N, C-alpha and C. Protein backbone atom coordinates (compact mmCIF):
# COMPACT_ATOMS: atom_id res chain seq x y z
N UNK A 1 0.76 -1.24 0.00
CA UNK A 1 -0.08 -0.03 -0.10
C UNK A 1 0.88 1.29 -0.05
N UNK A 2 1.86 1.35 0.85
CA UNK A 2 2.75 2.45 0.93
C UNK A 2 3.58 2.69 -0.40
N UNK A 3 3.98 1.57 -1.00
CA UNK A 3 4.61 1.63 -2.29
C UNK A 3 3.72 2.35 -3.35
N UNK A 4 2.52 1.93 -3.25
CA UNK A 4 1.50 2.51 -4.26
C UNK A 4 1.38 3.89 -4.11
N UNK A 5 1.13 4.34 -2.76
CA UNK A 5 1.05 5.81 -2.47
C UNK A 5 2.34 6.56 -2.90
N UNK A 6 3.58 5.97 -2.62
CA UNK A 6 4.74 6.60 -3.01
C UNK A 6 4.88 6.81 -4.54
N UNK A 7 4.44 5.69 -5.23
CA UNK A 7 4.35 5.77 -6.76
C UNK A 7 3.54 6.90 -7.23
N UNK A 8 2.29 7.01 -6.62
CA UNK A 8 1.49 8.09 -7.00
C UNK A 8 2.07 9.47 -6.80
N UNK A 9 2.70 9.58 -5.71
CA UNK A 9 3.35 10.98 -5.45
C UNK A 9 4.41 11.31 -6.36
N UNK A 10 5.23 10.12 -6.69
CA UNK A 10 6.32 10.23 -7.67
C UNK A 10 5.74 10.51 -9.10
N UNK A 11 4.66 9.89 -9.49
CA UNK A 11 4.05 10.09 -10.74
C UNK A 11 3.54 11.51 -10.95
N UNK A 12 2.96 11.99 -9.97
CA UNK A 12 2.41 13.33 -10.07
C UNK A 12 3.51 14.36 -10.18
N UNK A 13 4.48 14.36 -9.27
CA UNK A 13 5.54 15.24 -9.38
C UNK A 13 6.28 15.05 -10.56
N UNK A 14 6.66 13.81 -10.90
CA UNK A 14 7.42 13.60 -12.18
C UNK A 14 6.76 13.92 -13.41
N UNK A 15 5.38 13.66 -13.50
CA UNK A 15 4.64 14.08 -14.64
C UNK A 15 4.59 15.51 -14.84
N UNK A 16 4.74 16.41 -13.77
CA UNK A 16 4.79 17.74 -13.95
C UNK A 16 6.15 18.22 -14.34
N UNK A 17 7.08 17.36 -14.48
CA UNK A 17 8.45 17.74 -14.92
C UNK A 17 9.42 18.21 -13.83
N UNK A 18 9.01 17.88 -12.58
CA UNK A 18 9.81 18.36 -11.48
C UNK A 18 10.70 17.44 -10.80
N UNK A 19 10.88 16.26 -11.41
CA UNK A 19 11.78 15.34 -10.71
C UNK A 19 11.11 14.60 -9.58
N UNK A 20 10.37 13.50 -9.95
CA UNK A 20 9.64 12.73 -8.87
C UNK A 20 10.62 12.09 -7.91
N UNK A 21 11.92 11.86 -8.31
CA UNK A 21 12.96 11.28 -7.41
C UNK A 21 13.11 12.01 -6.11
N UNK A 22 12.87 13.29 -6.22
CA UNK A 22 12.99 14.11 -5.02
C UNK A 22 12.04 13.72 -3.92
N UNK A 23 10.88 13.13 -4.38
CA UNK A 23 9.88 12.53 -3.44
C UNK A 23 10.06 11.15 -3.23
N UNK A 24 10.33 10.39 -4.24
CA UNK A 24 10.36 8.96 -4.18
C UNK A 24 11.59 8.40 -3.41
N UNK A 25 12.79 8.95 -3.68
CA UNK A 25 13.92 8.33 -2.97
C UNK A 25 13.84 8.54 -1.36
N UNK A 26 13.48 9.74 -0.94
CA UNK A 26 13.42 9.91 0.50
C UNK A 26 12.33 8.97 1.04
N UNK A 27 11.21 8.82 0.26
CA UNK A 27 10.26 7.99 0.87
C UNK A 27 10.65 6.46 0.89
N UNK A 28 11.37 6.03 -0.17
CA UNK A 28 11.92 4.63 -0.14
C UNK A 28 12.92 4.43 0.96
N UNK A 29 13.88 5.38 1.15
CA UNK A 29 14.91 5.25 2.11
C UNK A 29 14.55 5.51 3.47
N UNK A 30 13.74 6.41 3.78
CA UNK A 30 13.34 6.96 5.06
C UNK A 30 12.13 6.26 5.61
N UNK A 31 11.12 5.91 4.83
CA UNK A 31 9.93 5.36 5.36
C UNK A 31 9.90 3.83 5.06
N UNK A 32 10.47 3.49 3.96
CA UNK A 32 10.24 2.06 3.62
C UNK A 32 11.52 1.21 3.65
N UNK A 33 12.50 1.85 4.24
CA UNK A 33 13.82 1.22 4.61
C UNK A 33 14.60 0.54 3.40
N UNK A 34 14.47 1.15 2.24
CA UNK A 34 15.18 0.61 1.25
C UNK A 34 16.61 1.17 1.24
N UNK A 35 17.58 0.43 0.69
CA UNK A 35 18.99 0.91 0.68
C UNK A 35 19.04 2.11 -0.41
N UNK A 36 20.03 3.09 -0.28
CA UNK A 36 20.12 4.10 -1.23
C UNK A 36 20.30 3.65 -2.60
N UNK A 37 21.14 2.58 -2.96
CA UNK A 37 21.31 2.21 -4.27
C UNK A 37 20.00 1.58 -4.85
N UNK A 38 19.28 0.95 -3.99
CA UNK A 38 18.09 0.27 -4.49
C UNK A 38 17.07 1.33 -4.74
N UNK A 39 16.93 2.30 -3.87
CA UNK A 39 16.00 3.55 -4.05
C UNK A 39 16.29 4.21 -5.34
N UNK A 40 17.52 4.47 -5.62
CA UNK A 40 17.89 5.17 -6.78
C UNK A 40 17.70 4.35 -8.03
N UNK A 41 17.97 3.15 -7.97
CA UNK A 41 17.62 2.15 -9.03
C UNK A 41 16.18 2.17 -9.39
N UNK A 42 15.26 1.90 -8.28
CA UNK A 42 13.87 2.04 -8.50
C UNK A 42 13.43 3.29 -9.07
N UNK A 43 13.99 4.40 -8.63
CA UNK A 43 13.58 5.62 -9.08
C UNK A 43 13.91 5.82 -10.62
N UNK A 44 14.96 5.30 -11.12
CA UNK A 44 15.34 5.32 -12.50
C UNK A 44 14.44 4.47 -13.30
N UNK A 45 14.13 3.28 -12.72
CA UNK A 45 13.20 2.42 -13.55
C UNK A 45 11.81 2.93 -13.56
N UNK A 46 11.32 3.53 -12.56
CA UNK A 46 9.91 4.19 -12.48
C UNK A 46 9.93 5.41 -13.50
N UNK A 47 11.09 6.07 -13.55
CA UNK A 47 11.20 7.30 -14.42
C UNK A 47 10.92 7.08 -15.90
N UNK A 48 11.18 5.82 -16.42
CA UNK A 48 11.11 5.59 -17.76
C UNK A 48 9.58 5.63 -18.22
N UNK A 49 8.70 4.94 -17.75
CA UNK A 49 7.35 4.97 -18.29
C UNK A 49 6.60 6.35 -17.94
N UNK A 50 6.93 6.92 -16.77
CA UNK A 50 6.32 8.21 -16.49
C UNK A 50 6.84 9.32 -17.33
N UNK A 51 8.09 9.31 -17.59
CA UNK A 51 8.67 10.38 -18.53
C UNK A 51 8.21 10.29 -19.91
N UNK A 52 8.11 9.00 -20.45
CA UNK A 52 7.59 8.75 -21.80
C UNK A 52 6.27 9.29 -22.01
N UNK A 53 5.38 8.91 -21.03
CA UNK A 53 4.05 9.54 -21.21
C UNK A 53 3.94 11.03 -21.13
N UNK A 54 4.66 11.60 -20.10
CA UNK A 54 4.67 13.04 -19.96
C UNK A 54 5.29 13.70 -21.26
N UNK A 55 6.26 13.08 -21.82
CA UNK A 55 6.96 13.56 -22.94
C UNK A 55 5.97 13.63 -24.11
N UNK A 56 5.16 12.52 -24.27
CA UNK A 56 4.22 12.40 -25.31
C UNK A 56 3.10 13.54 -25.20
N UNK A 57 2.67 13.79 -24.05
CA UNK A 57 1.76 14.95 -23.81
C UNK A 57 2.27 16.29 -24.03
N UNK A 58 3.57 16.56 -23.74
CA UNK A 58 4.17 17.84 -23.94
C UNK A 58 4.52 17.92 -25.51
N UNK A 59 4.92 16.82 -26.05
CA UNK A 59 5.12 16.92 -27.64
C UNK A 59 3.73 17.24 -28.25
N UNK A 60 2.74 16.57 -27.87
CA UNK A 60 1.34 16.83 -28.43
C UNK A 60 0.92 18.40 -28.45
N UNK A 61 1.31 19.05 -27.29
CA UNK A 61 0.93 20.31 -27.10
C UNK A 61 2.02 21.43 -27.61
N UNK A 62 3.04 20.78 -28.26
CA UNK A 62 4.18 21.54 -28.89
C UNK A 62 4.95 22.38 -27.88
N UNK A 63 5.19 21.82 -26.75
CA UNK A 63 5.81 22.45 -25.60
C UNK A 63 7.29 22.04 -25.47
N UNK A 64 7.79 21.30 -26.52
CA UNK A 64 9.19 20.74 -26.48
C UNK A 64 10.00 21.47 -27.65
N UNK A 65 11.09 21.90 -27.25
CA UNK A 65 12.02 22.43 -28.27
C UNK A 65 13.03 21.28 -28.71
N UNK A 66 12.73 20.55 -29.74
CA UNK A 66 13.47 19.27 -30.10
C UNK A 66 14.91 19.52 -30.10
N UNK A 67 15.52 20.65 -30.78
CA UNK A 67 16.92 20.76 -30.80
C UNK A 67 17.52 20.95 -29.48
N UNK A 68 16.92 21.72 -28.71
CA UNK A 68 17.45 22.01 -27.30
C UNK A 68 17.35 20.69 -26.44
N UNK A 69 16.27 19.93 -26.60
CA UNK A 69 16.10 18.70 -25.99
C UNK A 69 17.06 17.63 -26.34
N UNK A 70 17.48 17.56 -27.57
CA UNK A 70 18.45 16.62 -28.02
C UNK A 70 19.87 17.00 -27.58
N UNK A 71 20.13 18.28 -27.47
CA UNK A 71 21.41 18.72 -26.84
C UNK A 71 21.50 18.27 -25.32
N UNK A 72 20.42 18.64 -24.69
CA UNK A 72 20.34 18.29 -23.24
C UNK A 72 20.52 16.81 -22.91
N UNK A 73 19.75 15.96 -23.96
CA UNK A 73 19.89 14.60 -23.68
C UNK A 73 21.14 14.03 -24.00
N UNK A 74 21.97 14.55 -24.86
CA UNK A 74 23.34 14.15 -25.11
C UNK A 74 24.22 14.38 -23.89
N UNK A 75 24.07 15.58 -23.35
CA UNK A 75 24.83 15.96 -22.09
C UNK A 75 24.37 15.01 -20.88
N UNK A 76 23.01 14.83 -20.84
CA UNK A 76 22.46 13.99 -19.77
C UNK A 76 22.95 12.59 -19.90
N UNK A 77 23.20 12.09 -21.13
CA UNK A 77 23.54 10.72 -21.18
C UNK A 77 25.04 10.57 -20.82
N UNK A 78 25.81 11.61 -21.17
CA UNK A 78 27.27 11.57 -20.75
C UNK A 78 27.30 11.67 -19.21
N UNK A 79 26.50 12.54 -18.66
CA UNK A 79 26.47 12.71 -17.11
C UNK A 79 26.10 11.37 -16.48
N UNK A 80 25.01 10.75 -17.10
CA UNK A 80 24.47 9.54 -16.43
C UNK A 80 25.47 8.43 -16.52
N UNK A 81 26.26 8.26 -17.51
CA UNK A 81 27.25 7.25 -17.56
C UNK A 81 28.24 7.53 -16.41
N UNK A 82 28.76 8.70 -16.31
CA UNK A 82 29.70 9.14 -15.23
C UNK A 82 29.03 8.89 -13.92
N UNK A 83 27.75 9.34 -13.63
CA UNK A 83 27.12 9.20 -12.37
C UNK A 83 26.83 7.84 -11.95
N UNK A 84 26.50 7.01 -12.93
CA UNK A 84 26.22 5.57 -12.58
C UNK A 84 27.52 4.98 -12.18
N UNK A 85 28.64 5.16 -12.91
CA UNK A 85 29.91 4.66 -12.56
C UNK A 85 30.27 5.01 -11.13
N UNK A 86 30.16 6.38 -10.85
CA UNK A 86 30.44 6.78 -9.52
C UNK A 86 29.57 6.18 -8.48
N UNK A 87 28.27 6.15 -8.67
CA UNK A 87 27.37 5.53 -7.75
C UNK A 87 27.73 4.11 -7.42
N UNK A 88 28.07 3.42 -8.39
CA UNK A 88 28.33 1.96 -8.20
C UNK A 88 29.65 1.77 -7.36
N UNK A 89 30.42 2.78 -7.23
CA UNK A 89 31.63 2.62 -6.50
C UNK A 89 31.68 3.31 -5.13
N UNK A 90 30.35 3.94 -4.78
CA UNK A 90 30.32 4.47 -3.44
C UNK A 90 29.55 3.59 -2.58
N UNK A 91 29.91 3.63 -1.20
CA UNK A 91 29.18 2.91 -0.31
C UNK A 91 27.74 3.59 -0.12
N UNK A 92 26.73 2.70 0.42
CA UNK A 92 25.37 3.17 0.51
C UNK A 92 25.31 4.49 1.27
N UNK A 93 26.06 4.54 2.41
CA UNK A 93 25.92 5.59 3.32
C UNK A 93 26.52 6.94 2.70
N UNK A 94 27.59 6.83 2.01
CA UNK A 94 28.17 7.98 1.28
C UNK A 94 27.21 8.51 0.14
N UNK A 95 26.62 7.57 -0.62
CA UNK A 95 25.69 7.87 -1.60
C UNK A 95 24.44 8.66 -1.07
N UNK A 96 23.92 8.21 0.07
CA UNK A 96 22.83 8.86 0.87
C UNK A 96 23.28 10.30 1.17
N UNK A 97 24.38 10.48 1.66
CA UNK A 97 24.80 11.79 2.06
C UNK A 97 25.02 12.67 0.92
N UNK A 98 25.57 12.09 -0.16
CA UNK A 98 25.69 12.96 -1.39
C UNK A 98 24.35 13.40 -1.88
N UNK A 99 23.22 12.46 -1.87
CA UNK A 99 22.03 12.76 -2.34
C UNK A 99 21.33 13.84 -1.47
N UNK A 100 21.45 13.75 -0.12
CA UNK A 100 20.94 14.68 0.91
C UNK A 100 21.65 15.99 0.59
N UNK A 101 22.84 16.06 0.42
CA UNK A 101 23.59 17.37 0.21
C UNK A 101 23.10 18.07 -1.17
N UNK A 102 22.82 17.22 -2.11
CA UNK A 102 22.25 17.75 -3.39
C UNK A 102 20.91 18.32 -3.15
N UNK A 103 20.02 17.59 -2.40
CA UNK A 103 18.65 18.21 -2.04
C UNK A 103 18.72 19.52 -1.26
N UNK A 104 19.69 19.51 -0.27
CA UNK A 104 19.89 20.79 0.48
C UNK A 104 20.28 21.89 -0.33
N UNK A 105 21.20 21.61 -1.24
CA UNK A 105 21.76 22.68 -2.21
C UNK A 105 20.56 23.20 -3.19
N UNK A 106 19.89 22.17 -3.58
CA UNK A 106 18.63 22.63 -4.46
C UNK A 106 17.72 23.47 -3.69
N UNK A 107 17.36 23.04 -2.42
CA UNK A 107 16.45 23.76 -1.68
C UNK A 107 16.96 25.12 -1.35
N UNK A 108 18.26 25.22 -0.94
CA UNK A 108 18.88 26.46 -0.63
C UNK A 108 18.89 27.47 -1.79
N UNK A 109 19.10 26.94 -2.94
CA UNK A 109 19.20 27.74 -4.21
C UNK A 109 17.77 28.34 -4.49
N UNK A 110 16.74 27.39 -4.19
CA UNK A 110 15.47 27.90 -4.52
C UNK A 110 15.04 28.92 -3.48
N UNK A 111 15.45 28.82 -2.32
CA UNK A 111 15.09 29.84 -1.27
C UNK A 111 15.73 31.17 -1.55
N UNK A 112 16.99 31.08 -2.02
CA UNK A 112 17.69 32.35 -2.31
C UNK A 112 17.06 33.02 -3.55
N UNK A 113 16.63 32.26 -4.52
CA UNK A 113 15.93 32.73 -5.73
C UNK A 113 14.53 33.42 -5.37
N UNK A 114 13.83 32.72 -4.48
CA UNK A 114 12.67 33.30 -4.01
C UNK A 114 12.84 34.59 -3.20
N UNK A 115 13.81 34.59 -2.41
CA UNK A 115 14.09 35.84 -1.54
C UNK A 115 14.44 36.95 -2.44
N UNK A 116 15.24 36.71 -3.59
CA UNK A 116 15.63 37.78 -4.45
C UNK A 116 14.27 38.27 -5.26
N UNK A 117 13.51 37.33 -5.65
CA UNK A 117 12.23 37.69 -6.32
C UNK A 117 11.28 38.61 -5.44
N UNK A 118 11.23 38.10 -4.25
CA UNK A 118 10.43 38.93 -3.26
C UNK A 118 10.90 40.38 -3.02
N UNK A 119 12.35 40.43 -2.97
CA UNK A 119 13.01 41.64 -2.79
C UNK A 119 12.73 42.60 -3.99
N UNK A 120 12.84 42.11 -5.14
CA UNK A 120 12.57 42.85 -6.31
C UNK A 120 11.20 43.38 -6.49
N UNK A 121 10.06 42.52 -5.98
CA UNK A 121 8.70 42.99 -5.99
C UNK A 121 8.66 44.07 -4.97
N UNK A 122 9.20 43.96 -3.73
CA UNK A 122 9.19 44.90 -2.73
C UNK A 122 9.77 46.24 -3.16
N UNK A 123 10.96 46.16 -3.87
CA UNK A 123 11.64 47.33 -4.30
C UNK A 123 10.90 48.03 -5.45
N UNK A 124 10.13 47.50 -6.13
CA UNK A 124 9.36 47.97 -7.27
C UNK A 124 8.12 48.67 -6.69
N UNK A 125 7.61 48.21 -5.54
CA UNK A 125 6.48 48.93 -4.86
C UNK A 125 6.80 50.17 -4.09
N UNK A 126 8.12 50.40 -3.95
CA UNK A 126 8.57 51.69 -3.19
C UNK A 126 8.34 52.82 -4.15
C-alpha cells in the first residue's frame, strides 16, 4: 500500500516535470527502509514510463524544443554514464549523504531565488 502511495506521489511530481525522485527516494529510504542504491535504481526504473508518457503529452501540445532537448539529452547521457559509474563505486551511506547534500543545495538555491524575487517585488512597490 505504501509503495502504491509513493508511486502516485512520484508520478504526479514527475509528470509535472519536477523530478519525482526528490519525493520517491526519501520515501523509499526513510519510510520504507530501502537502501540508497536500491531506491535510486527503482527511481530510474519508474522514471522511464512516467517520463515517456509526460513527454508524449508535452510533444502533443508543442511544448518541447526538439533541438534543445537533443542537446540536453546528449549531455544528460554523458553525465548519466559518469554518475552511474560513480554511484556503483560508493558505499550506501556516502551515496545517501551526497543525495541529501544535493537536495539541501537545491532547496537553498530555490530559497535564495525566492528571496531575490520577493525583494525585487518589494523594491518595485517603493
